[in-house]
PDB file of N, CA and C in Angstrom:
ATOM      1  N   MET A   1     -10.146   8.036  -1.264  1.00  0.00           N
ATOM      2  CA  MET A   1      -9.370   7.712  -2.355  1.00  0.00           C
ATOM      3  C   MET A   1      -8.192   6.875  -1.857  1.00  0.00           C
ATOM      4  N   TRP A   2      -7.965   5.669  -2.385  1.00  0.00           N
ATOM      5  CA  TRP A   2      -6.884   4.791  -2.021  1.00  0.00           C
ATOM      6  C   TRP A   2      -5.618   5.069  -2.959  1.00  0.00           C
ATOM      7  N   LYS A   3      -4.506   5.301  -2.260  1.00  0.00           N
ATOM      8  CA  LYS A   3      -3.192   5.692  -3.071  1.00  0.00           C
ATOM      9  C   LYS A   3      -2.291   4.550  -2.804  1.00  0.00           C
ATOM     10  N   VAL A   4      -1.643   4.060  -3.938  1.00  0.00           N
ATOM     11  CA  VAL A   4      -0.757   2.898  -3.787  1.00  0.00           C
ATOM     12  C   VAL A   4       0.759   3.610  -3.982  1.00  0.00           C
ATOM     13  N   TYR A   5       1.595   3.168  -3.074  1.00  0.00           N
ATOM     14  CA  TYR A   5       2.966   3.642  -3.096  1.00  0.00           C
ATOM     15  C   TYR A   5       3.900   2.483  -2.964  1.00  0.00           C
ATOM     16  N   LYS A   6       5.074   2.545  -3.588  1.00  0.00           N
ATOM     17  CA  LYS A   6       6.104   1.446  -3.655  1.00  0.00           C
ATOM     18  C   LYS A   6       7.315   2.026  -2.990  1.00  0.00           C
ATOM     19  N   TRP A   7       8.068   1.114  -2.353  1.00  0.00           N
ATOM     20  CA  TRP A   7       9.327   1.390  -1.702  1.00  0.00           C
ATOM     21  C   TRP A   7      10.326   1.794  -2.812  1.00  0.00           C
ATOM     22  N   ASP A   8      11.058   2.987  -2.540  1.00  0.00           N
ATOM     23  CA  ASP A   8      11.965   3.405  -3.583  1.00  0.00           C
ATOM     24  C   ASP A   8      13.443   3.107  -3.230  1.00  0.00           C
ATOM     25  N   GLY A   9      13.755   2.337  -2.168  1.00  0.00           N
ATOM     26  CA  GLY A   9      15.046   2.093  -1.719  1.00  0.00           C
ATOM     27  C   GLY A   9      15.325   2.829  -0.541  1.00  0.00           C
ATOM     28  N   HIS A  10      14.626   3.911  -0.263  1.00  0.00           N
ATOM     29  CA  HIS A  10      14.820   4.770   0.873  1.00  0.00           C
ATOM     30  C   HIS A  10      13.650   5.067   1.722  1.00  0.00           C
ATOM     31  N   TYR A  11      12.413   5.267   1.113  1.00  0.00           N
ATOM     32  CA  TYR A  11      11.136   5.425   1.806  1.00  0.00           C
ATOM     33  C   TYR A  11      10.138   4.412   1.368  1.00  0.00           C
ATOM     34  N   ILE A  12       9.340   3.999   2.329  1.00  0.00           N
ATOM     35  CA  ILE A  12       8.254   3.039   1.996  1.00  0.00           C
ATOM     36  C   ILE A  12       7.208   3.768   1.142  1.00  0.00           C
ATOM     37  N   GLN A  13       6.881   5.031   1.497  1.00  0.00           N
ATOM     38  CA  GLN A  13       5.907   5.840   0.692  1.00  0.00           C
ATOM     39  C   GLN A  13       6.740   6.627  -0.387  1.00  0.00           C
ATOM     40  N   GLY A  14       7.642   5.967  -1.107  1.00  0.00           N
ATOM     41  CA  GLY A  14       8.507   6.695  -2.014  1.00  0.00           C
ATOM     42  C   GLY A  14       7.842   6.871  -3.329  1.00  0.00           C
ATOM     43  N   ASP A  15       7.683   5.972  -4.177  1.00  0.00           N
ATOM     44  CA  ASP A  15       7.128   6.025  -5.552  1.00  0.00           C
ATOM     45  C   ASP A  15       5.670   5.834  -5.607  1.00  0.00           C
ATOM     46  N   PHE A  16       4.955   6.961  -6.093  1.00  0.00           N
ATOM     47  CA  PHE A  16       3.491   6.847  -6.224  1.00  0.00           C
ATOM     48  C   PHE A  16       3.230   5.994  -7.508  1.00  0.00           C
ATOM     49  N   ILE A  17       2.303   5.028  -7.315  1.00  0.00           N
ATOM     50  CA  ILE A  17       2.021   4.092  -8.435  1.00  0.00           C
ATOM     51  C   ILE A  17       0.633   4.581  -8.932  1.00  0.00           C
ATOM     52  N   SER A  18      -0.539   4.679  -8.104  1.00  0.00           N
ATOM     53  CA  SER A  18      -1.713   4.998  -8.702  1.00  0.00           C
ATOM     54  C   SER A  18      -2.769   5.387  -7.588  1.00  0.00           C
ATOM     55  N   LYS A  19      -3.932   5.772  -7.903  1.00  0.00           N
ATOM     56  CA  LYS A  19      -5.019   5.990  -6.977  1.00  0.00           C
ATOM     57  C   LYS A  19      -6.295   5.410  -7.481  1.00  0.00           C
ATOM     58  N   HIS A  20      -7.084   4.933  -6.542  1.00  0.00           N
ATOM     59  CA  HIS A  20      -8.309   4.104  -6.888  1.00  0.00           C
ATOM     60  C   HIS A  20      -9.406   4.537  -5.914  1.00  0.00           C
ATOM     61  N   SER A  21     -10.646   4.218  -6.393  1.00  0.00           N
ATOM     62  CA  SER A  21     -11.802   4.522  -5.509  1.00  0.00           C
ATOM     63  C   SER A  21     -12.180   3.386  -4.532  1.00  0.00           C
ATOM     64  N   SER A  22     -11.609   2.134  -4.956  1.00  0.00           N
ATOM     65  CA  SER A  22     -11.962   0.989  -4.034  1.00  0.00           C
ATOM     66  C   SER A  22     -10.620   0.317  -3.498  1.00  0.00           C
ATOM     67  N   GLU A  23     -10.730  -0.307  -2.347  1.00  0.00           N
ATOM     68  CA  GLU A  23      -9.637  -1.042  -1.889  1.00  0.00           C
ATOM     69  C   GLU A  23      -9.204  -2.174  -2.799  1.00  0.00           C
ATOM     70  N   ASP A  24     -10.165  -2.945  -3.296  1.00  0.00           N
ATOM     71  CA  ASP A  24      -9.919  -4.160  -4.108  1.00  0.00           C
ATOM     72  C   ASP A  24      -9.060  -3.683  -5.297  1.00  0.00           C
ATOM     73  N   ALA A  25      -9.461  -2.628  -5.966  1.00  0.00           N
ATOM     74  CA  ALA A  25      -8.665  -2.138  -7.225  1.00  0.00           C
ATOM     75  C   ALA A  25      -7.417  -1.704  -6.826  1.00  0.00           C
ATOM     76  N   ALA A  26      -7.169  -1.133  -5.673  1.00  0.00           N
ATOM     77  CA  ALA A  26      -5.835  -0.721  -5.216  1.00  0.00           C
ATOM     78  C   ALA A  26      -4.915  -1.904  -5.034  1.00  0.00           C
ATOM     79  N   ILE A  27      -5.470  -2.967  -4.363  1.00  0.00           N
ATOM     80  CA  ILE A  27      -4.679  -4.164  -4.032  1.00  0.00           C
ATOM     81  C   ILE A  27      -4.401  -4.875  -5.398  1.00  0.00           C
ATOM     82  N   LYS A  28      -5.315  -4.916  -6.370  1.00  0.00           N
ATOM     83  CA  LYS A  28      -5.085  -5.439  -7.650  1.00  0.00           C
ATOM     84  C   LYS A  28      -3.924  -4.840  -8.382  1.00  0.00           C
ATOM     85  N   LYS A  29      -3.896  -3.398  -8.439  1.00  0.00           N
ATOM     86  CA  LYS A  29      -2.853  -2.693  -8.981  1.00  0.00           C
ATOM     87  C   LYS A  29      -1.531  -2.905  -8.300  1.00  0.00           C
ATOM     88  N   ALA A  30      -1.545  -2.957  -7.061  1.00  0.00           N
ATOM     89  CA  ALA A  30      -0.309  -3.177  -6.255  1.00  0.00           C
ATOM     90  C   ALA A  30       0.263  -4.617  -6.504  1.00  0.00           C
ATOM     91  N   SER A  31      -0.527  -5.594  -6.732  1.00  0.00           N
ATOM     92  CA  SER A  31      -0.081  -6.929  -6.961  1.00  0.00           C
ATOM     93  C   SER A  31       0.550  -6.941  -8.411  1.00  0.00           C
ATOM     94  N   GLN A  32       0.212  -6.084  -9.308  1.00  0.00           N
ATOM     95  CA  GLN A  32       0.765  -6.051 -10.645  1.00  0.00           C
ATOM     96  C   GLN A  32       2.145  -5.436 -10.707  1.00  0.00           C
ATOM     97  N   ASN A  33       2.347  -4.418  -9.626  1.00  0.00           N
ATOM     98  CA  ASN A  33       3.666  -3.678  -9.719  1.00  0.00           C
ATOM     99  C   ASN A  33       4.556  -3.984  -8.529  1.00  0.00           C
ATOM    100  N   ILE A  34       4.101  -4.566  -7.431  1.00  0.00           N
ATOM    101  CA  ILE A  34       4.889  -4.906  -6.317  1.00  0.00           C
ATOM    102  C   ILE A  34       4.777  -6.324  -6.039  1.00  0.00           C
ATOM    103  N   ASN A  35       5.909  -6.882  -5.733  1.00  0.00           N
ATOM    104  CA  ASN A  35       6.048  -8.447  -5.393  1.00  0.00           C
ATOM    105  C   ASN A  35       5.889  -8.486  -3.818  1.00  0.00           C
ATOM    106  N   PHE A  36       4.634  -8.720  -3.272  1.00  0.00           N
ATOM    107  CA  PHE A  36       4.505  -8.884  -1.899  1.00  0.00           C
ATOM    108  C   PHE A  36       3.678 -10.118  -1.583  1.00  0.00           C
ATOM    109  N   THR A  37       3.949 -10.630  -0.346  1.00  0.00           N
ATOM    110  CA  THR A  37       3.364 -11.922   0.032  1.00  0.00           C
ATOM    111  C   THR A  37       2.302 -11.695   1.193  1.00  0.00           C
ATOM    112  N   PHE A  38       2.592 -10.727   2.118  1.00  0.00           N
ATOM    113  CA  PHE A  38       1.690 -10.533   3.213  1.00  0.00           C
ATOM    114  C   PHE A  38       0.997  -9.124   3.108  1.00  0.00           C
ATOM    115  N   VAL A  39      -0.307  -9.062   3.630  1.00  0.00           N
ATOM    116  CA  VAL A  39      -1.041  -7.852   3.657  1.00  0.00           C
ATOM    117  C   VAL A  39      -1.521  -7.685   5.081  1.00  0.00           C
ATOM    118  N   GLU A  40      -1.275  -6.497   5.707  1.00  0.00           N
ATOM    119  CA  GLU A  40      -1.578  -6.158   7.057  1.00  0.00           C
ATOM    120  C   GLU A  40      -2.396  -4.856   6.969  1.00  0.00           C
ATOM    121  N   LYS A  41      -3.678  -4.855   7.458  1.00  0.00           N
ATOM    122  CA  LYS A  41      -4.406  -3.675   7.464  1.00  0.00           C
ATOM    123  C   LYS A  41      -4.381  -2.998   8.902  1.00  0.00           C
ATOM    124  N   GLN A  42      -4.243  -1.640   8.875  1.00  0.00           N
ATOM    125  CA  GLN A  42      -4.128  -0.885  10.126  1.00  0.00           C
ATOM    126  C   GLN A  42      -5.019   0.339  10.026  1.00  0.00           C
ATOM    127  N   LYS A  43      -5.765   0.752  11.057  1.00  0.00           N
ATOM    128  CA  LYS A  43      -6.574   1.880  11.063  1.00  0.00           C
ATOM    129  C   LYS A  43      -6.087   2.749  12.214  1.00  0.00           C
ATOM    130  N   GLN A  44      -5.702   3.903  11.886  1.00  0.00           N
ATOM    131  CA  GLN A  44      -5.351   4.923  12.986  1.00  0.00           C
ATOM    132  C   GLN A  44      -5.858   6.220  12.721  1.00  0.00           C
ATOM    133  N   GLY A  45      -6.893   6.578  13.634  1.00  0.00           N
ATOM    134  CA  GLY A  45      -7.542   7.894  13.441  1.00  0.00           C
ATOM    135  C   GLY A  45      -8.413   7.913  12.167  1.00  0.00           C
ATOM    136  N   LYS A  46      -8.096   8.831  11.328  1.00  0.00           N
ATOM    137  CA  LYS A  46      -8.884   9.051  10.056  1.00  0.00           C
ATOM    138  C   LYS A  46      -8.152   8.366   8.908  1.00  0.00           C
ATOM    139  N   GLU A  47      -7.031   7.638   9.161  1.00  0.00           N
ATOM    140  CA  GLU A  47      -6.209   7.093   8.074  1.00  0.00           C
ATOM    141  C   GLU A  47      -6.278   5.568   8.163  1.00  0.00           C
ATOM    142  N   THR A  48      -6.407   4.986   7.069  1.00  0.00           N
ATOM    143  CA  THR A  48      -6.348   3.469   6.928  1.00  0.00           C
ATOM    144  C   THR A  48      -5.160   3.105   6.129  1.00  0.00           C
ATOM    145  N   ARG A  49      -4.225   2.268   6.623  1.00  0.00           N
ATOM    146  CA  ARG A  49      -3.030   1.865   5.954  1.00  0.00           C
ATOM    147  C   ARG A  49      -3.077   0.307   5.744  1.00  0.00           C
ATOM    148  N   VAL A  50      -2.701  -0.067   4.508  1.00  0.00           N
ATOM    149  CA  VAL A  50      -2.583  -1.465   4.175  1.00  0.00           C
ATOM    150  C   VAL A  50      -1.054  -1.624   3.833  1.00  0.00           C
ATOM    151  N   TRP A  51      -0.434  -2.400   4.752  1.00  0.00           N
ATOM    152  CA  TRP A  51       1.020  -2.663   4.499  1.00  0.00           C
ATOM    153  C   TRP A  51       1.282  -3.853   3.617  1.00  0.00           C
ATOM    154  N   LEU A  52       2.097  -3.680   2.701  1.00  0.00           N
ATOM    155  CA  LEU A  52       2.485  -4.815   1.813  1.00  0.00           C
ATOM    156  C   LEU A  52       3.914  -5.325   2.075  1.00  0.00           C
ATOM    157  N   ASP A  53       4.089  -6.506   2.584  1.00  0.00           N
ATOM    158  CA  ASP A  53       5.254  -7.026   3.009  1.00  0.00           C
ATOM    159  C   ASP A  53       5.749  -8.202   2.171  1.00  0.00           C
ATOM    160  N   ASP A  54       7.092  -8.395   2.085  1.00  0.00           N
ATOM    161  CA  ASP A  54       7.649  -9.628   1.291  1.00  0.00           C
ATOM    162  C   ASP A  54       7.568 -10.808   2.219  1.00  0.00           C
ATOM    163  N   GLU A  55       8.214 -11.881   1.714  1.00  0.00           N
ATOM    164  CA  GLU A  55       8.235 -13.166   2.466  1.00  0.00           C
ATOM    165  C   GLU A  55       9.029 -12.978   3.777  1.00  0.00           C
ATOM    166  N   ASN A  56       9.832 -12.088   4.007  1.00  0.00           N
ATOM    167  CA  ASN A  56      10.603 -11.863   5.201  1.00  0.00           C
ATOM    168  C   ASN A  56       9.900 -10.773   6.179  1.00  0.00           C
ATOM    169  N   HIS A  57       8.697 -10.412   5.800  1.00  0.00           N
ATOM    170  CA  HIS A  57       7.818  -9.388   6.508  1.00  0.00           C
ATOM    171  C   HIS A  57       8.542  -8.092   6.526  1.00  0.00           C
ATOM    172  N   THR A  58       9.307  -7.727   5.511  1.00  0.00           N
ATOM    173  CA  THR A  58       9.875  -6.488   5.179  1.00  0.00           C
ATOM    174  C   THR A  58       8.881  -5.607   4.341  1.00  0.00           C
ATOM    175  N   PRO A  59       8.473  -4.425   4.779  1.00  0.00           N
ATOM    176  CA  PRO A  59       7.652  -3.603   3.973  1.00  0.00           C
ATOM    177  C   PRO A  59       8.238  -3.229   2.570  1.00  0.00           C
ATOM    178  N   VAL A  60       7.421  -3.417   1.557  1.00  0.00           N
ATOM    179  CA  VAL A  60       7.770  -3.107   0.250  1.00  0.00           C
ATOM    180  C   VAL A  60       6.917  -2.175  -0.441  1.00  0.00           C
ATOM    181  N   GLY A  61       5.788  -1.861   0.271  1.00  0.00           N
ATOM    182  CA  GLY A  61       4.813  -0.943  -0.304  1.00  0.00           C
ATOM    183  C   GLY A  61       3.680  -0.657   0.757  1.00  0.00           C
ATOM    184  N   ILE A  62       2.892   0.284   0.373  1.00  0.00           N
ATOM    185  CA  ILE A  62       1.845   0.737   1.281  1.00  0.00           C
ATOM    186  C   ILE A  62       0.649   1.285   0.458  1.00  0.00           C
ATOM    187  N   ILE A  63      -0.502   1.050   1.018  1.00  0.00           N
ATOM    188  CA  ILE A  63      -1.735   1.646   0.316  1.00  0.00           C
ATOM    189  C   ILE A  63      -2.470   2.512   1.475  1.00  0.00           C
ATOM    190  N   ILE A  64      -2.717   3.701   1.193  1.00  0.00           N
ATOM    191  CA  ILE A  64      -3.236   4.710   2.200  1.00  0.00           C
ATOM    192  C   ILE A  64      -4.563   5.288   1.686  1.00  0.00           C
ATOM    193  N   LYS A  65      -5.520   5.382   2.732  1.00  0.00           N
ATOM    194  CA  LYS A  65      -6.760   6.101   2.523  1.00  0.00           C
ATOM    195  C   LYS A  65      -6.885   7.058   3.679  1.00  0.00           C
ATOM    196  N   LYS A  66      -7.238   8.283   3.401  1.00  0.00           N
ATOM    197  CA  LYS A  66      -7.382   9.215   4.403  1.00  0.00           C
ATOM    198  C   LYS A  66      -9.041   9.552   4.343  1.00  0.00           C
ATOM    199  N   SER A  67      -9.607   9.309   5.465  1.00  0.00           N
ATOM    200  CA  SER A  67     -11.018   9.617   5.409  1.00  0.00           C
ATOM    201  C   SER A  67     -11.253  11.155   5.878  1.00  0.00           C
ATOM    202  N   ARG A  68     -12.447  11.643   5.647  1.00  0.00           N
ATOM    203  CA  ARG A  68     -12.741  13.003   6.006  1.00  0.00           C
ATOM    204  C   ARG A  68     -13.295  13.148   7.369  1.00  0.00           C
TER     205      ARG A  68
END
């Protein structure tokens, strides 16, 4: 399950936006709610993170998937 979070002014994983079954659907929902320019995908262990950055490469959101 892909979960979309938005920066709340204090935490990157602050405001929960939505959850989706596909990565494409999660990125589409994030583009509607978060103004981001760059996307960087990172895999660490059983967790996949998609960082959403603005034009200054400052993180403004994140999409997370935890595998079993």
